[in-house]
PDB file of N, CA and C in Angstrom:
ATOM      1  N   MET A   1     -11.240-115.042  94.002  1.00  0.00           N
ATOM      2  CA  MET A   1     -10.304-114.333  93.150  1.00  0.00           C
ATOM      3  C   MET A   1     -10.645-114.640  91.692  1.00  0.00           C
ATOM      4  N   SER A   2     -10.131-113.811  90.792  1.00  0.00           N
ATOM      5  CA  SER A   2     -10.511-113.978  89.392  1.00  0.00           C
ATOM      6  C   SER A   2      -9.309-113.960  88.464  1.00  0.00           C
ATOM      7  N   ILE A   3      -9.550-114.529  87.275  1.00  0.00           N
ATOM      8  CA  ILE A   3      -8.581-114.489  86.184  1.00  0.00           C
ATOM      9  C   ILE A   3      -9.309-113.858  85.013  1.00  0.00           C
ATOM     10  N   THR A   4      -8.745-112.785  84.459  1.00  0.00           N
ATOM     11  CA  THR A   4      -9.327-112.169  83.272  1.00  0.00           C
ATOM     12  C   THR A   4      -8.282-112.170  82.162  1.00  0.00           C
ATOM     13  N   THR A   5      -8.760-112.084  80.927  1.00  0.00           N
ATOM     14  CA  THR A   5      -7.840-112.033  79.789  1.00  0.00           C
ATOM     15  C   THR A   5      -8.234-110.890  78.870  1.00  0.00           C
ATOM     16  N   THR A   6      -7.233-110.359  78.184  1.00  0.00           N
ATOM     17  CA  THR A   6      -7.439-109.368  77.136  1.00  0.00           C
ATOM     18  C   THR A   6      -6.466-109.678  76.011  1.00  0.00           C
ATOM     19  N   ASN A   7      -6.784-109.170  74.822  1.00  0.00           N
ATOM     20  CA  ASN A   7      -5.786-109.289  73.754  1.00  0.00           C
ATOM     21  C   ASN A   7      -5.812-108.061  72.885  1.00  0.00           C
ATOM     22  N   ASN A   8      -4.637-107.750  72.386  1.00  0.00           N
ATOM     23  CA  ASN A   8      -4.450-106.632  71.478  1.00  0.00           C
ATOM     24  C   ASN A   8      -3.545-107.129  70.354  1.00  0.00           C
ATOM     25  N   LEU A   9      -4.126-107.993  69.538  1.00  0.00           N
ATOM     26  CA  LEU A   9      -3.361-108.585  68.449  1.00  0.00           C
ATOM     27  C   LEU A   9      -3.422-107.663  67.237  1.00  0.00           C
ATOM     28  N   LEU A  10      -2.293-107.485  66.599  1.00  0.00           N
ATOM     29  CA  LEU A  10      -2.203-106.603  65.439  1.00  0.00           C
ATOM     30  C   LEU A  10      -2.418-107.341  64.127  1.00  0.00           C
ATOM     31  N   THR A  11      -2.212-108.660  64.144  1.00  0.00           N
ATOM     32  CA  THR A  11      -2.342-109.481  62.935  1.00  0.00           C
ATOM     33  C   THR A  11      -3.182-110.705  63.279  1.00  0.00           C
ATOM     34  N   GLY A  12      -3.413-111.522  62.285  1.00  0.00           N
ATOM     35  CA  GLY A  12      -4.153-112.760  62.505  1.00  0.00           C
ATOM     36  C   GLY A  12      -3.263-113.951  62.800  1.00  0.00           C
ATOM     37  N   SER A  13      -1.953-113.748  62.835  1.00  0.00           N
ATOM     38  CA  SER A  13      -1.042-114.885  62.944  1.00  0.00           C
ATOM     39  C   SER A  13      -1.163-115.647  64.262  1.00  0.00           C
ATOM     40  N   TRP A  14      -1.553-114.998  65.341  1.00  0.00           N
ATOM     41  CA  TRP A  14      -1.702-115.665  66.636  1.00  0.00           C
ATOM     42  C   TRP A  14      -3.166-115.814  67.058  1.00  0.00           C
ATOM     43  N   ALA A  15      -4.101-115.361  66.226  1.00  0.00           N
ATOM     44  CA  ALA A  15      -5.515-115.302  66.622  1.00  0.00           C
ATOM     45  C   ALA A  15      -6.070-116.659  67.036  1.00  0.00           C
ATOM     46  N   ALA A  16      -5.857-117.698  66.245  1.00  0.00           N
ATOM     47  CA  ALA A  16      -6.401-119.022  66.577  1.00  0.00           C
ATOM     48  C   ALA A  16      -5.788-119.561  67.867  1.00  0.00           C
ATOM     49  N   ASP A  17      -4.480-119.384  68.016  1.00  0.00           N
ATOM     50  CA  ASP A  17      -3.817-119.848  69.245  1.00  0.00           C
ATOM     51  C   ASP A  17      -4.347-119.100  70.461  1.00  0.00           C
ATOM     52  N   VAL A  18      -4.484-117.790  70.363  1.00  0.00           N
ATOM     53  CA  VAL A  18      -4.950-116.997  71.503  1.00  0.00           C
ATOM     54  C   VAL A  18      -6.383-117.369  71.861  1.00  0.00           C
ATOM     55  N   THR A  19      -7.228-117.611  70.877  1.00  0.00           N
ATOM     56  CA  THR A  19      -8.594-118.048  71.159  1.00  0.00           C
ATOM     57  C   THR A  19      -8.578-119.357  71.937  1.00  0.00           C
ATOM     58  N   SER A  20      -7.760-120.293  71.510  1.00  0.00           N
ATOM     59  CA  SER A  20      -7.627-121.588  72.197  1.00  0.00           C
ATOM     60  C   SER A  20      -7.068-121.419  73.610  1.00  0.00           C
ATOM     61  N   ILE A  21      -6.065-120.580  73.745  1.00  0.00           N
ATOM     62  CA  ILE A  21      -5.431-120.352  75.046  1.00  0.00           C
ATOM     63  C   ILE A  21      -6.404-119.668  76.005  1.00  0.00           C
ATOM     64  N   GLN A  22      -7.160-118.690  75.505  1.00  0.00           N
ATOM     65  CA  GLN A  22      -8.133-118.010  76.358  1.00  0.00           C
ATOM     66  C   GLN A  22      -9.216-118.981  76.836  1.00  0.00           C
ATOM     67  N   ALA A  23      -9.631-119.892  75.986  1.00  0.00           N
ATOM     68  CA  ALA A  23     -10.608-120.904  76.394  1.00  0.00           C
ATOM     69  C   ALA A  23     -10.035-121.787  77.495  1.00  0.00           C
ATOM     70  N   ALA A  24      -8.776-122.172  77.353  1.00  0.00           N
ATOM     71  CA  ALA A  24      -8.125-122.993  78.381  1.00  0.00           C
ATOM     72  C   ALA A  24      -8.014-122.228  79.698  1.00  0.00           C
ATOM     73  N   ILE A  25      -7.682-120.947  79.625  1.00  0.00           N
ATOM     74  CA  ILE A  25      -7.593-120.130  80.831  1.00  0.00           C
ATOM     75  C   ILE A  25      -8.963-120.056  81.506  1.00  0.00           C
ATOM     76  N   GLY A  26     -10.024-119.992  80.727  1.00  0.00           N
ATOM     77  CA  GLY A  26     -11.376-120.019  81.282  1.00  0.00           C
ATOM     78  C   GLY A  26     -11.639-121.270  82.093  1.00  0.00           C
ATOM     79  N   ARG A  27     -11.027-122.371  81.696  1.00  0.00           N
ATOM     80  CA  ARG A  27     -11.165-123.623  82.451  1.00  0.00           C
ATOM     81  C   ARG A  27     -10.290-123.641  83.700  1.00  0.00           C
ATOM     82  N   PHE A  28      -9.250-122.803  83.741  1.00  0.00           N
ATOM     83  CA  PHE A  28      -8.443-122.699  84.966  1.00  0.00           C
ATOM     84  C   PHE A  28      -9.355-122.345  86.135  1.00  0.00           C
ATOM     85  N   LYS A  29     -10.308-121.449  85.886  1.00  0.00           N
ATOM     86  CA  LYS A  29     -11.175-120.944  86.937  1.00  0.00           C
ATOM     87  C   LYS A  29     -11.956-122.061  87.608  1.00  0.00           C
ATOM     88  N   SER A  30     -12.423-123.026  86.829  1.00  0.00           N
ATOM     89  CA  SER A  30     -13.249-124.070  87.412  1.00  0.00           C
ATOM     90  C   SER A  30     -12.422-125.187  88.039  1.00  0.00           C
ATOM     91  N   SER A  31     -11.186-125.339  87.597  1.00  0.00           N
ATOM     92  CA  SER A  31     -10.384-126.438  88.114  1.00  0.00           C
ATOM     93  C   SER A  31      -9.560-126.065  89.342  1.00  0.00           C
ATOM     94  N   ARG A  32      -9.193-124.805  89.463  1.00  0.00           N
ATOM     95  CA  ARG A  32      -8.343-124.384  90.575  1.00  0.00           C
ATOM     96  C   ARG A  32      -8.383-122.873  90.665  1.00  0.00           C
ATOM     97  N   ARG A  33      -8.803-122.344  91.762  1.00  0.00           N
ATOM     98  CA  ARG A  33      -8.951-120.895  91.912  1.00  0.00           C
ATOM     99  C   ARG A  33      -7.640-120.288  92.399  1.00  0.00           C
ATOM    100  N   PRO A  34      -7.173-119.240  91.726  1.00  0.00           N
ATOM    101  CA  PRO A  34      -5.956-118.584  92.207  1.00  0.00           C
ATOM    102  C   PRO A  34      -6.264-117.797  93.479  1.00  0.00           C
ATOM    103  N   SER A  35      -5.263-117.641  94.313  1.00  0.00           N
ATOM    104  CA  SER A  35      -5.448-116.883  95.549  1.00  0.00           C
ATOM    105  C   SER A  35      -5.042-115.425  95.360  1.00  0.00           C
ATOM    106  N   ASN A  36      -4.842-115.024  94.119  1.00  0.00           N
ATOM    107  CA  ASN A  36      -4.299-113.715  93.802  1.00  0.00           C
ATOM    108  C   ASN A  36      -4.935-113.254  92.490  1.00  0.00           C
ATOM    109  N   ASP A  37      -5.794-112.215  92.525  1.00  0.00           N
ATOM    110  CA  ASP A  37      -6.416-111.733  91.281  1.00  0.00           C
ATOM    111  C   ASP A  37      -5.369-111.610  90.186  1.00  0.00           C
ATOM    112  N   CYS A  38      -5.761-111.973  88.972  1.00  0.00           N
ATOM    113  CA  CYS A  38      -4.783-112.113  87.901  1.00  0.00           C
ATOM    114  C   CYS A  38      -5.386-111.660  86.574  1.00  0.00           C
ATOM    115  N   ARG A  39      -4.581-110.953  85.787  1.00  0.00           N
ATOM    116  CA  ARG A  39      -4.973-110.529  84.435  1.00  0.00           C
ATOM    117  C   ARG A  39      -3.918-111.023  83.454  1.00  0.00           C
ATOM    118  N   VAL A  40      -4.360-111.712  82.409  1.00  0.00           N
ATOM    119  CA  VAL A  40      -3.465-112.210  81.369  1.00  0.00           C
ATOM    120  C   VAL A  40      -3.741-111.395  80.107  1.00  0.00           C
ATOM    121  N   ALA A  41      -2.703-110.732  79.600  1.00  0.00           N
ATOM    122  CA  ALA A  41      -2.844-109.889  78.411  1.00  0.00           C
ATOM    123  C   ALA A  41      -1.971-110.438  77.293  1.00  0.00           C
ATOM    124  N   PHE A  42      -2.582-110.625  76.123  1.00  0.00           N
ATOM    125  CA  PHE A  42      -1.879-111.083  74.933  1.00  0.00           C
ATOM    126  C   PHE A  42      -1.738-109.903  73.993  1.00  0.00           C
ATOM    127  N   PHE A  43      -0.547-109.749  73.400  1.00  0.00           N
ATOM    128  CA  PHE A  43      -0.375-108.655  72.455  1.00  0.00           C
ATOM    129  C   PHE A  43       0.775-108.935  71.512  1.00  0.00           C
ATOM    130  N   GLU A  44       0.759-108.187  70.422  1.00  0.00           N
ATOM    131  CA  GLU A  44       1.839-108.225  69.444  1.00  0.00           C
ATOM    132  C   GLU A  44       2.441-106.834  69.353  1.00  0.00           C
ATOM    133  N   ILE A  45       3.676-106.804  68.928  1.00  0.00           N
ATOM    134  CA  ILE A  45       4.370-105.547  68.667  1.00  0.00           C
ATOM    135  C   ILE A  45       4.655-105.506  67.171  1.00  0.00           C
ATOM    136  N   ALA A  46       4.407-104.376  66.546  1.00  0.00           N
ATOM    137  CA  ALA A  46       4.575-104.250  65.097  1.00  0.00           C
ATOM    138  C   ALA A  46       5.939-104.754  64.642  1.00  0.00           C
ATOM    139  N   HIS A  47       5.922-105.513  63.562  1.00  0.00           N
ATOM    140  CA  HIS A  47       7.138-106.023  62.898  1.00  0.00           C
ATOM    141  C   HIS A  47       7.947-106.969  63.788  1.00  0.00           C
ATOM    142  N   ASP A  48       7.297-107.596  64.763  1.00  0.00           N
ATOM    143  CA  ASP A  48       7.995-108.456  65.712  1.00  0.00           C
ATOM    144  C   ASP A  48       7.724-109.935  65.430  1.00  0.00           C
ATOM    145  N   GLY A  49       6.470-110.302  65.212  1.00  0.00           N
ATOM    146  CA  GLY A  49       6.116-111.686  64.907  1.00  0.00           C
ATOM    147  C   GLY A  49       5.946-112.580  66.109  1.00  0.00           C
ATOM    148  N   HIS A  50       6.268-112.111  67.293  1.00  0.00           N
ATOM    149  CA  HIS A  50       6.146-112.914  68.509  1.00  0.00           C
ATOM    150  C   HIS A  50       4.811-112.653  69.205  1.00  0.00           C
ATOM    151  N   LEU A  51       4.415-113.609  70.021  1.00  0.00           N
ATOM    152  CA  LEU A  51       3.274-113.403  70.907  1.00  0.00           C
ATOM    153  C   LEU A  51       3.833-112.992  72.259  1.00  0.00           C
ATOM    154  N   HIS A  52       3.408-111.849  72.742  1.00  0.00           N
ATOM    155  CA  HIS A  52       3.831-111.336  74.047  1.00  0.00           C
ATOM    156  C   HIS A  52       2.699-111.588  75.028  1.00  0.00           C
ATOM    157  N   VAL A  53       3.056-112.016  76.226  1.00  0.00           N
ATOM    158  CA  VAL A  53       2.053-112.288  77.253  1.00  0.00           C
ATOM    159  C   VAL A  53       2.496-111.614  78.542  1.00  0.00           C
ATOM    160  N   ASN A  54       1.602-110.812  79.104  1.00  0.00           N
ATOM    161  CA  ASN A  54       1.808-110.242  80.433  1.00  0.00           C
ATOM    162  C   ASN A  54       0.843-110.916  81.390  1.00  0.00           C
ATOM    163  N   VAL A  55       1.341-111.293  82.552  1.00  0.00           N
ATOM    164  CA  VAL A  55       0.483-111.794  83.624  1.00  0.00           C
ATOM    165  C   VAL A  55       0.657-110.835  84.794  1.00  0.00           C
ATOM    166  N   THR A  56      -0.437-110.186  85.172  1.00  0.00           N
ATOM    167  CA  THR A  56      -0.408-109.193  86.238  1.00  0.00           C
ATOM    168  C   THR A  56      -1.191-109.716  87.428  1.00  0.00           C
ATOM    169  N   HIS A  57      -0.537-109.771  88.578  1.00  0.00           N
ATOM    170  CA  HIS A  57      -1.177-110.196  89.828  1.00  0.00           C
ATOM    171  C   HIS A  57      -1.373-108.990  90.740  1.00  0.00           C
ATOM    172  N   GLN A  58      -2.399-109.062  91.539  1.00  0.00           N
ATOM    173  CA  GLN A  58      -2.662-108.016  92.527  1.00  0.00           C
ATOM    174  C   GLN A  58      -1.537-107.954  93.549  1.00  0.00           C
ATOM    175  N   HIS A  59      -1.053-109.127  93.968  1.00  0.00           N
ATOM    176  CA  HIS A  59       0.020-109.217  94.960  1.00  0.00           C
ATOM    177  C   HIS A  59       1.247-109.853  94.311  1.00  0.00           C
ATOM    178  N   GLN A  60       2.420-109.507  94.782  1.00  0.00           N
ATOM    179  CA  GLN A  60       3.660-110.039  94.227  1.00  0.00           C
ATOM    180  C   GLN A  60       3.723-111.555  94.404  1.00  0.00           C
ATOM    181  N   THR A  61       4.263-112.229  93.390  1.00  0.00           N
ATOM    182  CA  THR A  61       4.400-113.687  93.415  1.00  0.00           C
ATOM    183  C   THR A  61       5.871-114.081  93.344  1.00  0.00           C
ATOM    184  N   ARG A  62       6.085-115.345  93.573  1.00  0.00           N
ATOM    185  CA  ARG A  62       7.428-115.895  93.373  1.00  0.00           C
ATOM    186  C   ARG A  62       7.733-115.884  91.877  1.00  0.00           C
ATOM    187  N   GLU A  63       9.012-115.882  91.548  1.00  0.00           N
ATOM    188  CA  GLU A  63       9.416-115.900  90.148  1.00  0.00           C
ATOM    189  C   GLU A  63       9.208-117.289  89.569  1.00  0.00           C
ATOM    190  N   ILE A  64       8.838-117.327  88.301  1.00  0.00           N
ATOM    191  CA  ILE A  64       8.665-118.580  87.572  1.00  0.00           C
ATOM    192  C   ILE A  64       9.664-118.560  86.418  1.00  0.00           C
ATOM    193  N   GLU A  65      10.390-119.645  86.264  1.00  0.00           N
ATOM    194  CA  GLU A  65      11.420-119.732  85.230  1.00  0.00           C
ATOM    195  C   GLU A  65      10.844-119.395  83.858  1.00  0.00           C
ATOM    196  N   GLY A  66      11.574-118.564  83.123  1.00  0.00           N
ATOM    197  CA  GLY A  66      11.188-118.179  81.775  1.00  0.00           C
ATOM    198  C   GLY A  66      10.404-116.887  81.690  1.00  0.00           C
ATOM    199  N   TRP A  67       9.944-116.385  82.832  1.00  0.00           N
ATOM    200  CA  TRP A  67       9.169-115.141  82.870  1.00  0.00           C
ATOM    201  C   TRP A  67      10.052-114.014  83.373  1.00  0.00           C
ATOM    202  N   ASP A  68       9.973-112.858  82.711  1.00  0.00           N
ATOM    203  CA  ASP A  68      10.689-111.669  83.160  1.00  0.00           C
ATOM    204  C   ASP A  68       9.823-110.909  84.161  1.00  0.00           C
ATOM    205  N   GLY A  69      10.464-110.230  85.066  1.00  0.00           N
ATOM    206  CA  GLY A  69       9.735-109.415  86.037  1.00  0.00           C
ATOM    207  C   GLY A  69       9.977-109.904  87.444  1.00  0.00           C
ATOM    208  N   PRO A  70       9.271-109.350  88.357  1.00  0.00           N
ATOM    209  CA  PRO A  70       8.102-108.513  88.160  1.00  0.00           C
ATOM    210  C   PRO A  70       8.451-107.036  88.051  1.00  0.00           C
ATOM    211  N   ALA A  71       7.575-106.337  87.344  1.00  0.00           N
ATOM    212  CA  ALA A  71       7.596-104.879  87.344  1.00  0.00           C
ATOM    213  C   ALA A  71       6.400-104.441  88.174  1.00  0.00           C
ATOM    214  N   ARG A  72       6.591-103.421  88.960  1.00  0.00           N
ATOM    215  CA  ARG A  72       5.481-102.932  89.784  1.00  0.00           C
ATOM    216  C   ARG A  72       4.770-101.811  89.033  1.00  0.00           C
ATOM    217  N   LEU A  73       3.479-101.994  88.834  1.00  0.00           N
ATOM    218  CA  LEU A  73       2.633-101.022  88.154  1.00  0.00           C
ATOM    219  C   LEU A  73       1.466-100.669  89.068  1.00  0.00           C
ATOM    220  N   PRO A  74       0.746 -99.601  88.782  1.00  0.00           N
ATOM    221  CA  PRO A  74      -0.428 -99.283  89.598  1.00  0.00           C
ATOM    222  C   PRO A  74      -1.438-100.439  89.646  1.00  0.00           C
ATOM    223  N   GLN A  75      -1.489-101.255  88.577  1.00  0.00           N
ATOM    224  CA  GLN A  75      -2.428-102.378  88.514  1.00  0.00           C
ATOM    225  C   GLN A  75      -1.957-103.595  89.313  1.00  0.00           C
ATOM    226  N   GLY A  76      -0.679-103.641  89.668  1.00  0.00           N
ATOM    227  CA  GLY A  76      -0.132-104.784  90.392  1.00  0.00           C
ATOM    228  C   GLY A  76       1.272-105.114  89.938  1.00  0.00           C
ATOM    229  N   PHE A  77       1.588-106.386  89.996  1.00  0.00           N
ATOM    230  CA  PHE A  77       2.924-106.874  89.662  1.00  0.00           C
ATOM    231  C   PHE A  77       2.840-107.667  88.363  1.00  0.00           C
ATOM    232  N   VAL A  78       3.603-107.241  87.348  1.00  0.00           N
ATOM    233  CA  VAL A  78       3.498-107.849  86.031  1.00  0.00           C
ATOM    234  C   VAL A  78       4.759-108.631  85.688  1.00  0.00           C
ATOM    235  N   HIS A  79       4.524-109.816  85.119  1.00  0.00           N
ATOM    236  CA  HIS A  79       5.578-110.643  84.544  1.00  0.00           C
ATOM    237  C   HIS A  79       5.294-110.755  83.053  1.00  0.00           C
ATOM    238  N   ASN A  80       6.350-110.882  82.247  1.00  0.00           N
ATOM    239  CA  ASN A  80       6.207-110.917  80.803  1.00  0.00           C
ATOM    240  C   ASN A  80       6.971-112.101  80.231  1.00  0.00           C
ATOM    241  N   ARG A  81       6.410-112.640  79.159  1.00  0.00           N
ATOM    242  CA  ARG A  81       7.087-113.707  78.433  1.00  0.00           C
ATOM    243  C   ARG A  81       6.764-113.546  76.958  1.00  0.00           C
ATOM    244  N   VAL A  82       7.701-113.932  76.100  1.00  0.00           N
ATOM    245  CA  VAL A  82       7.537-113.840  74.653  1.00  0.00           C
ATOM    246  C   VAL A  82       7.599-115.252  74.086  1.00  0.00           C
ATOM    247  N   PHE A  83       6.681-115.544  73.157  1.00  0.00           N
ATOM    248  CA  PHE A  83       6.621-116.869  72.534  1.00  0.00           C
ATOM    249  C   PHE A  83       6.770-116.736  71.028  1.00  0.00           C
ATOM    250  N   GLU A  84       7.521-117.672  70.439  1.00  0.00           N
ATOM    251  CA  GLU A  84       7.674-117.758  68.987  1.00  0.00           C
ATOM    252  C   GLU A  84       7.790-119.227  68.624  1.00  0.00           C
ATOM    253  N   ASN A  85       6.992-119.666  67.677  1.00  0.00           N
ATOM    254  CA  ASN A  85       7.023-121.063  67.231  1.00  0.00           C
ATOM    255  C   ASN A  85       6.862-122.042  68.395  1.00  0.00           C
ATOM    256  N   VAL A  86       5.928-121.757  69.273  1.00  0.00           N
ATOM    257  CA  VAL A  86       5.652-122.606  70.432  1.00  0.00           C
ATOM    258  C   VAL A  86       4.212-123.091  70.314  1.00  0.00           C
ATOM    259  N   PRO A  87       3.968-124.397  70.460  1.00  0.00           N
ATOM    260  CA  PRO A  87       2.593-124.897  70.378  1.00  0.00           C
ATOM    261  C   PRO A  87       1.718-124.317  71.489  1.00  0.00           C
ATOM    262  N   ALA A  88       0.433-124.141  71.185  1.00  0.00           N
ATOM    263  CA  ALA A  88      -0.509-123.557  72.148  1.00  0.00           C
ATOM    264  C   ALA A  88      -0.514-124.325  73.468  1.00  0.00           C
ATOM    265  N   GLY A  89      -0.420-125.638  73.421  1.00  0.00           N
ATOM    266  CA  GLY A  89      -0.418-126.438  74.653  1.00  0.00           C
ATOM    267  C   GLY A  89       0.731-126.070  75.579  1.00  0.00           C
ATOM    268  N   GLN A  90       1.883-125.820  75.021  1.00  0.00           N
ATOM    269  CA  GLN A  90       3.033-125.429  75.835  1.00  0.00           C
ATOM    270  C   GLN A  90       2.852-124.014  76.398  1.00  0.00           C
ATOM    271  N   ILE A  91       2.285-123.129  75.592  1.00  0.00           N
ATOM    272  CA  ILE A  91       2.018-121.769  76.077  1.00  0.00           C
ATOM    273  C   ILE A  91       1.043-121.825  77.240  1.00  0.00           C
ATOM    274  N   ILE A  92       0.009-122.654  77.118  1.00  0.00           N
ATOM    275  CA  ILE A  92      -0.974-122.809  78.198  1.00  0.00           C
ATOM    276  C   ILE A  92      -0.292-123.272  79.473  1.00  0.00           C
ATOM    277  N   ARG A  93       0.583-124.259  79.386  1.00  0.00           N
ATOM    278  CA  ARG A  93       1.299-124.759  80.584  1.00  0.00           C
ATOM    279  C   ARG A  93       2.140-123.659  81.225  1.00  0.00           C
ATOM    280  N   ASN A  94       2.810-122.861  80.394  1.00  0.00           N
ATOM    281  CA  ASN A  94       3.633-121.772  80.925  1.00  0.00           C
ATOM    282  C   ASN A  94       2.777-120.706  81.599  1.00  0.00           C
ATOM    283  N   ILE A  95       1.659-120.369  80.981  1.00  0.00           N
ATOM    284  CA  ILE A  95       0.766-119.372  81.574  1.00  0.00           C
ATOM    285  C   ILE A  95       0.166-119.907  82.868  1.00  0.00           C
ATOM    286  N   ARG A  96      -0.248-121.162  82.885  1.00  0.00           N
ATOM    287  CA  ARG A  96      -0.815-121.763  84.103  1.00  0.00           C
ATOM    288  C   ARG A  96       0.181-121.652  85.266  1.00  0.00           C
ATOM    289  N   ALA A  97       1.442-121.948  84.993  1.00  0.00           N
ATOM    290  CA  ALA A  97       2.460-121.862  86.053  1.00  0.00           C
ATOM    291  C   ALA A  97       2.552-120.445  86.612  1.00  0.00           C
ATOM    292  N   MET A  98       2.474-119.445  85.736  1.00  0.00           N
ATOM    293  CA  MET A  98       2.570-118.060  86.192  1.00  0.00           C
ATOM    294  C   MET A  98       1.293-117.617  86.890  1.00  0.00           C
ATOM    295  N   VAL A  99       0.135-117.987  86.359  1.00  0.00           N
ATOM    296  CA  VAL A  99      -1.142-117.612  86.983  1.00  0.00           C
ATOM    297  C   VAL A  99      -1.222-118.133  88.413  1.00  0.00           C
ATOM    298  N   PHE A 100      -0.760-119.363  88.636  1.00  0.00           N
ATOM    299  CA  PHE A 100      -0.874-119.977  89.951  1.00  0.00           C
ATOM    300  C   PHE A 100       0.411-119.877  90.781  1.00  0.00           C
ATOM    301  N   ALA A 101       1.303-118.964  90.387  1.00  0.00           N
ATOM    302  CA  ALA A 101       2.526-118.748  91.174  1.00  0.00           C
ATOM    303  C   ALA A 101       2.141-118.334  92.597  1.00  0.00           C
ATOM    304  N   LYS A 102       2.869-118.837  93.554  1.00  0.00           N
ATOM    305  CA  LYS A 102       2.564-118.549  94.965  1.00  0.00           C
ATOM    306  C   LYS A 102       2.913-117.106  95.314  1.00  0.00           C
ATOM    307  N   LYS A 103       2.076-116.536  96.168  1.00  0.00           N
ATOM    308  CA  LYS A 103       2.328-115.175  96.644  1.00  0.00           C
ATOM    309  C   LYS A 103       3.593-115.176  97.494  1.00  0.00           C
ATOM    310  N   MET A 104       4.247-114.017  97.499  1.00  0.00           N
ATOM    311  CA  MET A 104       5.454-113.844  98.327  1.00  0.00           C
ATOM    312  C   MET A 104       5.027-113.588  99.761  1.00  0.00           C
TER     313      MET A 104
END
């Protein structure tokens, strides 16, 4: 199974954090393989200032505290979380929990 990432950042305010987080996610692959294909998308919404993160799994997962969803899309099951004034290390821990959420 695989973990992929994308970003659609509108400003530079989250760029350094997202670069660091994407590198950490790259290390997820070597330390523990998910049993459910997963896509992590980072994005900003105009005039919002928050970092939005979607984690989409091929198969539905259990809910993880702090994440909204799942919404069912043609691509799979998506959960969303918004971050503001949160250190990159904490964001990484939250994303790791969602990436490795157990299948239903």
